Amino acid sequence: MRHGDGVVDFGGQGPLIVLLHGLMGRATTWWRVARHLTAYGHVVGLDARAHGRSPRPSPREVPARVEDFAGDVAELIERLDEGPAVVIGHSMGGLHAIVLAATRPELVRGVVTEDIAPDQRGRTVDDWRAHFESWPDAFTSLAHVREFFGDTGDYFVECVTEHDDGYRLIADLEDLYVIAAEWGRRDYWSYVDKLACPLLVIEAGDTAMPEGGQAELARRAGGRHLVVEGAGHVVHDSAPEQYRGAVEAFLSELFSR
């Protein structure tokens, strides 16, 4: 596994597979998934702006919309010159994958979204602020991170870095509020309606997304919709076998065409 300029190369040979993380995450959160996907192609992950090791300016420094994040992914695929790619996105990353596939269809072979709805208008980040501000200023150890976050502890271990006073989030919460606020102001159905590539929509049984939004995403784009009962928002961690089976079946069919 190689890191550089916010890109993580997980290895593998063959068709390009690009992994896009969710809000607060980073490319390395995909490690468990990536090690299986390398059997299907060349797997890379991208740290979004304001996340991980991304060298791109944060949304507070240079205002960025979902279209700009999608443009960063397009730039990566063009630079690697291995497209078209299968783009797999969790939460925020799924939204970026949809917009990329709609605006640059020549770069995208297929899309997998994980627990994201294209329409969250009316939601605000106010509730998130109270939740995030309840967290410790710094975690004493990685074991503390795992214990605090419970079922998603392994995920959040990837999202912190060590400082003199302990472990803190790599991403700046103020950047995250700016990014998420856009989702409450607009919808992305116009991009969904332009999708022409195969689509797999994976929804958590315990989703926090608006009811029916992901089923509508699959219906309008002519894709497949799978609800993983009992799974939390990070389906690939909370229900790894079901997630892996669905994605690998999608890739097998896609690559056999």
Protein backbone atom coordinates (compact mmCIF):
# COMPACT_ATOMS: atom_id res chain seq x y z
CA MET A 1 0.00 0.00 0.00
CA ARG A 2 1.50 3.34 -1.07
CA HIS A 3 0.55 6.87 0.04
CA GLY A 4 1.14 10.13 -1.79
CA ASP A 5 -0.63 13.45 -2.41
CA GLY A 6 -3.80 12.24 -0.73
CA VAL A 7 -3.91 9.09 -2.87
CA VAL A 8 -3.61 5.60 -1.42
CA ASP A 9 -2.65 2.84 -3.85
CA PHE A 10 -3.90 -0.45 -2.45
CA GLY A 11 -2.43 -2.49 -5.31
CA GLY A 12 -3.92 -4.97 -7.73
CA GLN A 13 -3.92 -5.14 -11.51
CA GLY A 14 -6.61 -4.71 -14.10
CA PRO A 15 -9.58 -2.33 -14.29
CA LEU A 16 -9.34 0.78 -12.16
CA ILE A 17 -11.43 0.81 -8.96
CA VAL A 18 -11.60 4.12 -7.06
CA LEU A 19 -12.74 4.24 -3.42
CA LEU A 20 -14.22 7.45 -1.99
CA HIS A 21 -14.65 7.82 1.77
CA GLY A 22 -17.35 9.56 3.78
CA LEU A 23 -17.36 12.79 5.74
CA MET A 24 -14.69 12.79 8.47
CA GLY A 25 -13.02 9.71 6.96
CA ARG A 26 -10.00 9.13 4.75
CA ALA A 27 -8.92 6.67 2.07
CA THR A 28 -7.34 4.24 4.52
CA THR A 29 -10.74 3.52 6.11
CA TRP A 30 -11.25 1.29 3.05
CA TRP A 31 -8.36 -1.07 3.84
CA ARG A 32 -10.48 -4.12 4.72
CA VAL A 33 -12.57 -3.70 1.58
CA ALA A 34 -9.61 -2.90 -0.67
CA ARG A 35 -7.64 -6.03 0.13
CA HIS A 36 -10.46 -8.12 -1.37
CA LEU A 37 -11.11 -5.83 -4.32
CA THR A 38 -7.52 -6.10 -5.53
CA ALA A 39 -8.54 -9.48 -6.95
CA TYR A 40 -10.75 -7.56 -9.40
CA GLY A 41 -8.54 -4.65 -10.43
CA HIS A 42 -6.19 -1.84 -9.50
CA VAL A 43 -7.62 -0.25 -6.34
CA VAL A 44 -6.88 3.31 -5.27
CA GLY A 45 -8.44 5.59 -2.67
CA LEU A 46 -8.56 9.37 -2.59
CA ASP A 47 -8.53 11.67 0.44
CA ALA A 48 -11.18 14.32 -0.23
CA ARG A 49 -10.45 17.99 0.37
CA ALA A 50 -10.02 18.78 4.08
CA HIS A 51 -9.53 15.08 4.83
CA GLY A 52 -6.52 12.84 5.39
CA ARG A 53 -3.44 13.90 3.45
CA SER A 54 -5.25 15.79 0.73
CA PRO A 55 -3.09 18.67 -0.55
CA ARG A 56 -6.14 20.54 -1.87
CA PRO A 57 -7.35 23.71 -0.13
CA SER A 58 -10.11 23.29 2.40
CA PRO A 59 -13.66 24.50 1.63
CA ARG A 60 -13.15 27.38 4.05
CA GLU A 61 -10.04 28.55 2.21
CA VAL A 62 -11.45 28.07 -1.28
CA PRO A 63 -15.24 27.49 -1.35
CA ALA A 64 -15.97 24.06 -2.78
CA ARG A 65 -19.20 22.36 -3.83
CA VAL A 66 -19.90 18.70 -4.50
CA GLU A 67 -19.02 19.36 -8.14
CA ASP A 68 -15.51 20.40 -7.10
CA PHE A 69 -14.99 17.21 -5.11
CA ALA A 70 -16.17 15.20 -8.11
CA GLY A 71 -13.74 17.17 -10.27
CA ASP A 72 -10.88 16.09 -7.99
CA VAL A 73 -11.81 12.45 -8.63
CA ALA A 74 -11.97 13.09 -12.37
CA GLU A 75 -8.49 14.60 -12.20
CA LEU A 76 -7.19 11.48 -10.43
CA ILE A 77 -8.68 9.09 -13.00
CA GLU A 78 -7.28 11.16 -15.86
CA ARG A 79 -3.85 11.30 -14.23
CA LEU A 80 -3.74 7.54 -13.72
CA ASP A 81 -4.86 7.05 -17.34
CA GLU A 82 -6.48 3.71 -16.49
CA GLY A 83 -10.14 4.62 -16.86
CA PRO A 84 -12.98 4.23 -17.14
CA ALA A 85 -13.13 3.36 -13.45
CA VAL A 86 -15.59 1.71 -11.15
CA VAL A 87 -16.20 4.30 -8.44
CA ILE A 88 -17.29 3.08 -5.01
CA GLY A 89 -18.34 5.71 -2.50
CA HIS A 90 -19.44 5.63 1.11
CA SER A 91 -21.86 8.36 2.24
CA MET A 92 -20.33 11.67 1.04
CA GLY A 93 -18.14 9.70 -1.35
CA GLY A 94 -21.22 8.14 -2.92
CA LEU A 95 -22.58 11.59 -3.67
CA HIS A 96 -19.28 12.53 -5.31
CA ALA A 97 -19.42 9.33 -7.37
CA ILE A 98 -22.92 10.15 -8.64
CA VAL A 99 -21.96 13.66 -9.71
CA LEU A 100 -18.76 12.42 -11.35
CA ALA A 101 -20.58 9.73 -13.34
CA ALA A 102 -23.21 12.26 -14.47
CA THR A 103 -20.74 14.96 -15.53
CA ARG A 104 -17.87 12.82 -16.84
CA PRO A 105 -19.52 9.59 -18.04
CA GLU A 106 -16.50 8.66 -20.16
CA LEU A 107 -14.47 8.24 -16.96
CA VAL A 108 -16.89 5.96 -15.08
CA ARG A 109 -17.67 2.32 -15.80
CA GLY A 110 -19.97 1.73 -12.85
CA VAL A 111 -20.93 3.19 -9.47
CA VAL A 112 -21.57 1.74 -6.02
CA THR A 113 -23.10 4.03 -3.39
CA GLU A 114 -23.26 3.18 0.30
CA ASP A 115 -25.90 4.77 2.51
CA ILE A 116 -26.35 8.16 0.88
CA ALA A 117 -29.50 9.87 -0.38
CA PRO A 118 -29.43 12.58 -3.08
CA ASP A 119 -31.95 14.78 -1.28
CA GLN A 120 -31.39 15.85 2.32
CA ARG A 121 -32.84 19.33 2.04
CA GLY A 122 -33.93 20.91 5.30
CA ARG A 123 -31.37 19.14 7.42
CA THR A 124 -28.87 21.31 9.27
CA VAL A 125 -25.53 20.70 10.94
CA ASP A 126 -26.75 22.09 14.28
CA ASP A 127 -27.51 18.64 15.70
CA TRP A 128 -24.12 17.42 14.54
CA ARG A 129 -22.37 20.26 16.34
CA ALA A 130 -23.84 19.27 19.69
CA HIS A 131 -22.88 15.64 19.11
CA PHE A 132 -19.32 16.35 17.98
CA GLU A 133 -18.73 18.87 20.75
CA SER A 134 -19.59 16.19 23.27
CA TRP A 135 -16.50 14.24 22.25
CA PRO A 136 -13.25 14.49 24.25
CA ASP A 137 -10.91 17.26 23.08
CA ALA A 138 -8.30 14.55 22.64
CA PHE A 139 -8.36 10.78 23.02
CA THR A 140 -5.76 9.29 25.33
CA SER A 141 -4.91 6.35 23.07
CA LEU A 142 -6.10 4.43 20.04
CA ALA A 143 -7.71 1.99 22.46
CA HIS A 144 -9.64 4.97 23.85
CA VAL A 145 -10.84 5.79 20.32
CA ARG A 146 -12.00 2.21 19.76
CA GLU A 147 -13.79 2.08 23.09
CA PHE A 148 -15.48 5.46 22.65
CA PHE A 149 -16.87 4.70 19.18
CA GLY A 150 -17.77 1.07 19.80
CA ASP A 151 -18.83 -0.70 16.61
CA THR A 152 -17.20 2.00 14.45
CA GLY A 153 -14.04 2.18 16.55
CA ASP A 154 -11.79 0.60 13.93
CA TYR A 155 -13.09 3.10 11.39
CA PHE A 156 -12.38 6.12 13.59
CA VAL A 157 -8.91 4.89 14.48
CA GLU A 158 -8.04 5.70 10.86
CA CYS A 159 -9.47 9.22 11.25
CA VAL A 160 -7.26 10.46 14.07
CA THR A 161 -3.64 11.49 14.38
CA GLU A 162 -1.36 11.80 17.38
CA HIS A 163 -0.61 15.16 19.03
CA ASP A 164 1.23 16.09 22.21
CA ASP A 165 -2.00 15.86 24.21
CA GLY A 166 -3.36 12.70 22.59
CA TYR A 167 -5.24 11.70 19.44
CA ARG A 168 -7.39 14.21 17.55
CA LEU A 169 -9.43 14.09 14.35
CA ILE A 170 -7.36 14.73 11.24
CA ALA A 171 -10.22 16.67 9.65
CA ASP A 172 -11.18 20.07 11.04
CA LEU A 173 -14.77 20.07 12.27
CA GLU A 174 -15.40 23.56 10.90
CA ASP A 175 -14.51 22.30 7.41
CA LEU A 176 -16.88 19.39 7.86
CA TYR A 177 -19.74 21.70 8.85
CA VAL A 178 -19.19 23.75 5.68
CA ILE A 179 -19.19 20.62 3.50
CA ALA A 180 -22.30 19.08 5.08
CA ALA A 181 -24.27 22.33 5.12
CA GLU A 182 -24.50 22.26 1.33
CA TRP A 183 -26.40 18.96 1.43
CA GLY A 184 -29.19 20.56 3.44
CA ARG A 185 -29.63 23.38 0.92
CA ARG A 186 -29.90 21.52 -2.38
CA ASP A 187 -30.69 18.17 -3.94
CA TYR A 188 -28.80 16.23 -6.61
CA TRP A 189 -31.62 14.58 -8.56
CA SER A 190 -30.60 16.35 -11.76
CA TYR A 191 -27.35 14.38 -11.65
CA VAL A 192 -29.09 11.12 -10.80
CA ASP A 193 -31.27 11.54 -13.87
CA LYS A 194 -28.15 11.74 -16.06
CA LEU A 195 -26.61 8.49 -14.85
CA ALA A 196 -26.09 6.02 -17.67
CA CYS A 197 -23.71 3.48 -16.12
CA PRO A 198 -24.58 0.44 -13.97
CA LEU A 199 -25.40 1.40 -10.38
CA LEU A 200 -25.58 -0.53 -7.11
CA VAL A 201 -27.20 1.26 -4.17
CA ILE A 202 -26.40 -0.27 -0.77
CA GLU A 203 -28.53 1.05 2.08
CA ALA A 204 -27.98 0.46 5.79
CA GLY A 205 -30.94 -1.13 7.53
CA ASP A 206 -30.38 1.40 10.32
CA THR A 207 -29.84 4.30 7.94
CA ALA A 208 -30.06 7.91 9.03
CA MET A 209 -30.87 9.00 5.50
CA PRO A 210 -34.36 10.28 4.52
CA GLU A 211 -36.80 7.41 4.10
CA GLY A 212 -37.17 6.18 0.54
CA GLY A 213 -34.38 8.32 -0.86
CA GLN A 214 -32.05 5.49 -1.74
CA ALA A 215 -34.78 3.36 -3.29
CA GLU A 216 -35.69 6.36 -5.43
CA LEU A 217 -32.05 6.82 -6.39
CA ALA A 218 -31.89 3.25 -7.70
CA ARG A 219 -35.27 3.51 -9.44
CA ARG A 220 -34.52 6.76 -11.26
CA ALA A 221 -31.08 5.60 -12.37
CA GLY A 222 -32.16 2.08 -13.31
CA GLY A 223 -29.88 0.57 -10.67
CA ARG A 224 -30.09 -2.13 -8.05
CA HIS A 225 -31.09 -1.41 -4.46
CA LEU A 226 -29.98 -3.55 -1.54
CA VAL A 227 -30.99 -2.94 2.07
CA VAL A 228 -28.64 -4.63 4.54
CA GLU A 229 -30.80 -5.28 7.58
CA GLY A 230 -29.21 -4.48 10.92
CA ALA A 231 -26.28 -2.64 9.35
CA GLY A 232 -25.24 0.80 10.50
CA HIS A 233 -24.17 3.74 8.37
CA VAL A 234 -20.73 2.25 7.64
CA VAL A 235 -22.14 -0.89 6.07
CA HIS A 236 -18.76 -2.17 4.92
CA ASP A 237 -17.67 -2.32 8.59
CA SER A 238 -20.91 -3.32 10.33
CA ALA A 239 -21.92 -5.99 7.78
CA PRO A 240 -18.70 -6.76 5.89
CA GLU A 241 -19.71 -10.12 4.43
CA GLN A 242 -23.00 -8.86 3.00
CA TYR A 243 -21.28 -5.76 1.65
CA ARG A 244 -18.45 -7.74 0.11
CA GLY A 245 -20.80 -10.24 -1.51
CA ALA A 246 -22.94 -7.53 -3.10
CA VAL A 247 -20.01 -5.50 -4.42
CA GLU A 248 -18.09 -8.49 -5.73
CA ALA A 249 -21.19 -9.81 -7.53
CA PHE A 250 -21.64 -6.35 -9.09
CA LEU A 251 -18.00 -6.24 -10.22
CA SER A 252 -18.07 -9.78 -11.59
CA GLU A 253 -21.07 -9.01 -13.74
CA LEU A 254 -19.70 -5.64 -14.81
CA PHE A 255 -16.29 -6.99 -15.83
CA SER A 256 -17.78 -9.94 -17.70
CA ARG A 257 -19.52 -7.66 -20.18
